[in-house]
Protein backbone atom coordinates (compact mmCIF):
# COMPACT_ATOMS: atom_id res chain seq x y z
CA UNK A 1 56.32 -2.38 -60.08
CA UNK A 2 53.23 -0.97 -61.83
CA UNK A 3 51.22 -3.90 -60.67
CA UNK A 4 52.45 -3.35 -57.10
CA UNK A 5 51.43 0.29 -57.15
CA UNK A 6 47.99 -0.71 -58.46
CA UNK A 7 47.58 -3.13 -55.63
CA UNK A 8 48.57 -0.45 -53.09
CA UNK A 9 46.06 2.00 -54.55
CA UNK A 10 43.34 -0.64 -54.43
CA UNK A 11 44.26 -1.42 -50.86
CA UNK A 12 44.14 2.27 -49.90
CA UNK A 13 40.73 2.66 -51.54
CA UNK A 14 39.46 -0.42 -49.71
CA UNK A 15 40.73 0.89 -46.39
CA UNK A 16 39.20 4.27 -47.13
CA UNK A 17 35.84 2.71 -47.81
CA UNK A 18 36.15 0.68 -44.61
CA UNK A 19 36.84 3.81 -42.58
CA UNK A 20 33.92 5.61 -44.20
CA UNK A 21 31.67 2.63 -43.55
CA UNK A 22 32.69 2.49 -39.90
CA UNK A 23 32.17 6.21 -39.59
CA UNK A 24 28.71 5.92 -41.06
CA UNK A 25 27.88 3.03 -38.75
CA UNK A 26 29.02 5.11 -35.77
CA UNK A 27 26.84 8.02 -36.88
CA UNK A 28 23.90 5.68 -37.43
CA UNK A 29 24.42 4.18 -33.97
CA UNK A 30 24.58 7.62 -32.37
CA UNK A 31 21.44 8.68 -34.21
CA UNK A 32 19.64 5.52 -33.08
CA UNK A 33 20.68 6.05 -29.44
CA UNK A 34 19.63 9.69 -29.60
CA UNK A 35 16.27 8.74 -31.10
CA UNK A 36 15.72 6.07 -28.46
CA UNK A 37 16.62 8.52 -25.69
CA UNK A 38 14.19 11.10 -27.09
CA UNK A 39 11.47 8.45 -27.30
CA UNK A 40 12.23 7.32 -23.74
CA UNK A 41 12.06 10.87 -22.37
CA UNK A 42 8.84 11.58 -24.28
CA UNK A 43 7.27 8.36 -22.97
CA UNK A 44 8.43 9.15 -19.44
CA UNK A 45 6.99 12.67 -19.68
CA UNK A 46 3.63 11.35 -20.87
CA UNK A 47 3.59 8.66 -18.18
CA UNK A 48 4.36 11.18 -15.42
CA UNK A 49 1.35 13.21 -16.55
CA UNK A 50 -0.80 10.09 -16.64
CA UNK A 51 0.10 8.83 -13.16
CA UNK A 52 -0.22 12.32 -11.72
CA UNK A 53 -3.81 12.29 -12.90
CA UNK A 54 -4.42 8.63 -12.01
CA UNK A 55 -1.76 6.70 -10.11
CA UNK A 56 -3.27 3.39 -11.20
CA UNK A 57 -2.13 4.17 -14.76
CA UNK A 58 1.16 2.69 -13.60
CA UNK A 59 -0.35 -0.74 -14.30
CA UNK A 60 0.01 -0.10 -18.03
CA UNK A 61 3.60 1.11 -17.86
CA UNK A 62 6.54 -0.90 -19.17
CA UNK A 63 8.67 -2.75 -16.61
CA UNK A 64 11.50 -0.22 -16.78
CA UNK A 65 9.11 2.59 -15.81
CA UNK A 66 7.58 0.54 -13.00
CA UNK A 67 11.13 0.37 -11.67
CA UNK A 68 11.70 4.11 -12.21
CA UNK A 69 11.66 5.80 -8.79
CA UNK A 70 10.41 9.20 -9.96
CA UNK A 71 7.54 7.67 -11.92
CA UNK A 72 6.49 5.38 -9.06
CA UNK A 73 6.71 8.18 -6.48
CA UNK A 74 4.38 10.29 -8.60
CA UNK A 75 1.99 7.36 -9.01
CA UNK A 76 1.73 6.48 -5.30
CA UNK A 77 1.42 10.13 -4.39
CA UNK A 78 -1.69 10.19 -6.58
CA UNK A 79 -2.99 6.78 -5.47
CA UNK A 80 -1.19 4.80 -2.81
CA UNK A 81 -2.50 1.48 -4.06
CA UNK A 82 -0.50 1.95 -7.27
CA UNK A 83 2.33 0.52 -5.18
CA UNK A 84 1.10 -2.93 -6.23
CA UNK A 85 2.35 -2.26 -9.78
CA UNK A 86 5.78 -1.03 -8.74
CA UNK A 87 8.91 -3.11 -9.11
CA UNK A 88 9.72 -5.25 -6.05
CA UNK A 89 12.78 -3.14 -5.31
CA UNK A 90 10.60 -0.03 -4.95
CA UNK A 91 8.08 -1.88 -2.80
CA UNK A 92 11.01 -2.22 -0.42
CA UNK A 93 11.98 1.46 -0.74
CA UNK A 94 10.95 3.15 2.51
CA UNK A 95 10.47 6.60 0.99
CA UNK A 96 8.22 5.22 -1.75
CA UNK A 97 6.18 3.13 0.70
CA UNK A 98 5.76 6.01 3.13
CA UNK A 99 4.36 8.13 0.30
CA UNK A 100 2.00 5.32 -0.67
CA UNK A 101 0.60 4.63 2.81
CA UNK A 102 0.26 8.34 3.51
CA UNK A 103 -2.13 8.52 0.56
CA UNK A 104 -3.87 5.22 1.35
CA UNK A 105 -3.04 3.18 4.43
CA UNK A 106 -4.23 -0.02 2.75
CA UNK A 107 -1.28 0.26 0.36
CA UNK A 108 0.68 -1.34 3.19
CA UNK A 109 -0.50 -4.64 1.70
CA UNK A 110 1.95 -4.19 -1.18
CA UNK A 111 4.99 -3.16 0.85
CA UNK A 112 7.86 -5.57 1.39
CA UNK A 113 7.78 -7.92 4.39
CA UNK A 114 10.50 -5.88 6.08
CA UNK A 115 8.59 -2.60 5.76
CA UNK A 116 5.36 -4.16 7.01
CA UNK A 117 7.32 -4.82 10.19
CA UNK A 118 8.65 -1.25 10.33
CA UNK A 119 6.90 0.69 13.11
CA UNK A 120 7.23 4.09 11.41
CA UNK A 121 5.72 2.78 8.17
CA UNK A 122 2.85 1.00 9.92
CA UNK A 123 1.99 4.00 12.09
CA UNK A 124 1.92 6.20 8.99
CA UNK A 125 -0.48 3.73 7.37
CA UNK A 126 -2.70 3.64 10.46
CA UNK A 127 -2.94 7.41 10.43
CA UNK A 128 -4.63 7.06 7.05
CA UNK A 129 -6.64 3.89 7.67
CA UNK A 130 -6.91 2.01 10.97
CA UNK A 131 -7.74 -1.27 9.26
CA UNK A 132 -4.38 -1.27 7.52
CA UNK A 133 -3.33 -3.01 10.75
CA UNK A 134 -4.29 -6.25 8.99
CA UNK A 135 -1.21 -5.94 6.77
CA UNK A 136 1.25 -5.21 9.57
CA UNK A 137 3.56 -7.92 10.84
CA UNK A 138 2.25 -10.24 13.57
CA UNK A 139 4.71 -8.70 15.99
CA UNK A 140 3.32 -5.19 15.49
CA UNK A 141 -0.27 -6.44 15.69
CA UNK A 142 0.63 -7.59 19.20
CA UNK A 143 2.07 -4.22 20.27
CA UNK A 144 -0.27 -2.18 22.44
CA UNK A 145 0.71 1.27 21.14
CA UNK A 146 0.30 0.21 17.52
CA UNK A 147 -3.10 -1.38 18.09
CA UNK A 148 -4.22 1.60 20.19
CA UNK A 149 -3.48 3.91 17.24
CA UNK A 150 -5.39 1.57 14.94
CA UNK A 151 -8.60 1.39 17.00
CA UNK A 152 -8.40 5.09 17.72
CA UNK A 153 -8.72 5.61 13.96
CA UNK A 154 -11.20 2.79 13.34
CA UNK A 155 -12.76 0.64 16.06
CA UNK A 156 -13.18 -2.26 13.65
CA UNK A 157 -9.39 -2.53 13.43
CA UNK A 158 -9.66 -4.52 16.67
CA UNK A 159 -10.39 -7.50 14.44
CA UNK A 160 -6.75 -7.56 13.32
CA UNK A 161 -5.13 -7.22 16.76
CA UNK A 162 -3.55 -10.18 18.50
CA UNK A 163 -5.85 -12.30 20.69
CA UNK A 164 -4.10 -10.94 23.77
CA UNK A 165 -4.86 -7.34 22.87
CA UNK A 166 -8.45 -8.14 21.93
CA UNK A 167 -8.93 -8.91 25.61
CA UNK A 168 -7.10 -5.83 26.96
CA UNK A 169 -9.72 -3.60 28.55
CA UNK A 170 -8.43 -0.17 27.55
CA UNK A 171 -8.01 -1.16 23.91
CA UNK A 172 -11.39 -2.92 23.75
CA UNK A 173 -13.15 0.05 25.32
CA UNK A 174 -11.49 2.43 22.88
CA UNK A 175 -12.54 0.26 19.94
CA UNK A 176 -16.14 -0.19 21.08
CA UNK A 177 -16.57 3.50 21.85
CA UNK A 178 -15.26 4.34 18.39
CA UNK A 179 -17.50 1.80 16.67
CA UNK A 180 -20.00 -0.36 18.54
CA UNK A 181 -19.62 -3.11 15.97
CA UNK A 182 -16.15 -3.77 17.36
CA UNK A 183 -17.88 -5.63 20.21
CA UNK A 184 -17.94 -8.76 18.04
CA UNK A 185 -14.13 -8.89 18.18
CA UNK A 186 -13.80 -8.37 21.95
CA UNK A 187 -12.32 -11.34 23.80
CA UNK A 188 -12.80 -9.72 27.21
CA UNK A 189 -15.77 -11.44 28.89
CA UNK A 190 -15.95 -8.85 31.67
CA UNK A 191 -16.42 -6.11 29.11
CA UNK A 192 -19.16 -8.08 27.34
CA UNK A 193 -20.93 -8.14 30.69
CA UNK A 194 -20.53 -4.39 31.32
CA UNK A 195 -24.18 -3.31 31.28
CA UNK A 196 -23.68 0.42 30.74
CA UNK A 197 -21.31 -0.07 27.81
CA UNK A 198 -23.30 -2.85 26.13
CA UNK A 199 -26.56 -0.93 26.47
CA UNK A 200 -24.98 2.03 24.69
CA UNK A 201 -23.69 -0.26 21.95
CA UNK A 202 -26.99 -2.06 21.29
CA UNK A 203 -28.86 1.24 21.19
CA UNK A 204 -26.70 2.10 18.18
CA UNK A 205 -26.19 -1.39 16.74
CA UNK A 206 -28.97 -3.77 17.76
CA UNK A 207 -27.28 -6.67 16.02
CA UNK A 208 -24.42 -6.50 18.55
CA UNK A 209 -26.80 -7.79 21.22
CA UNK A 210 -25.77 -11.35 20.35
CA UNK A 211 -22.22 -10.59 21.52
CA UNK A 212 -23.27 -9.48 25.01
CA UNK A 213 -22.71 -11.81 27.95
CA UNK A 214 -25.31 -14.50 28.60
CA UNK A 215 -26.68 -12.61 31.61
CA UNK A 216 -27.17 -9.41 29.63
CA UNK A 217 -28.90 -11.27 26.81
CA UNK A 218 -31.52 -12.19 29.39
CA UNK A 219 -31.96 -8.57 30.48
CA UNK A 220 -35.36 -7.24 29.35
CA UNK A 221 -34.24 -3.62 29.02
CA UNK A 222 -31.27 -4.71 26.95
CA UNK A 223 -33.48 -6.79 24.68
CA UNK A 224 -35.93 -3.95 24.13
CA UNK A 225 -33.10 -1.52 23.33
CA UNK A 226 -31.69 -3.92 20.76
CA UNK A 227 -35.05 -4.51 19.10
CA UNK A 228 -35.75 -0.79 18.95
CA UNK A 229 -32.39 -0.18 17.37
CA UNK A 230 -32.84 -2.30 14.28
CA UNK A 231 -34.92 -5.33 15.16
CA UNK A 232 -31.97 -7.57 14.24
CA UNK A 233 -31.03 -8.85 17.68
């Protein structure tokens, strides 16, 4: 009997130690999780400050932060092109992409394929930079209203329009009036032969003389205007 009681006491002590050990392990685990959470929050706080100052700082962030919506939103608000460092899921997040292209239209390059075909997103990008048209879907680059908005912002955006729209008179005129250099992208032969328009263009950009119609390139007044402009005709 004495031996049995001794065994029971030993067993109780062993169980007691096991419970204490498990309790200590639980406390250690909780402490570790708490420490990790504090470290995470501190790192997040520092990163938010960094990307607010320079959105491109997102490039140095860990993957989990590049997938953190709040961090990425702050980064693209500071510099739209920081979108390139965001997780793919956030490059497909319309709110994030709209913030990015509002800051820098060229950030459209890093948006998902679906959002580059989204009219609202593309128009927002064009409002910031007309040449962001180059990153829009082919379908939108063939839509008159979209291309009109692009050349209204930057005549050189005509380069990225569909061939059909590069020959549409109203769009070509808008582009050339905005920036004479857009003449090189015009596919409308009638417009290249429009003396009044071409003369105005070559007076500003002599080098555009080479894109005038063959008849106008033989026009003495046109040639003189081009030479006077920059001597590069």
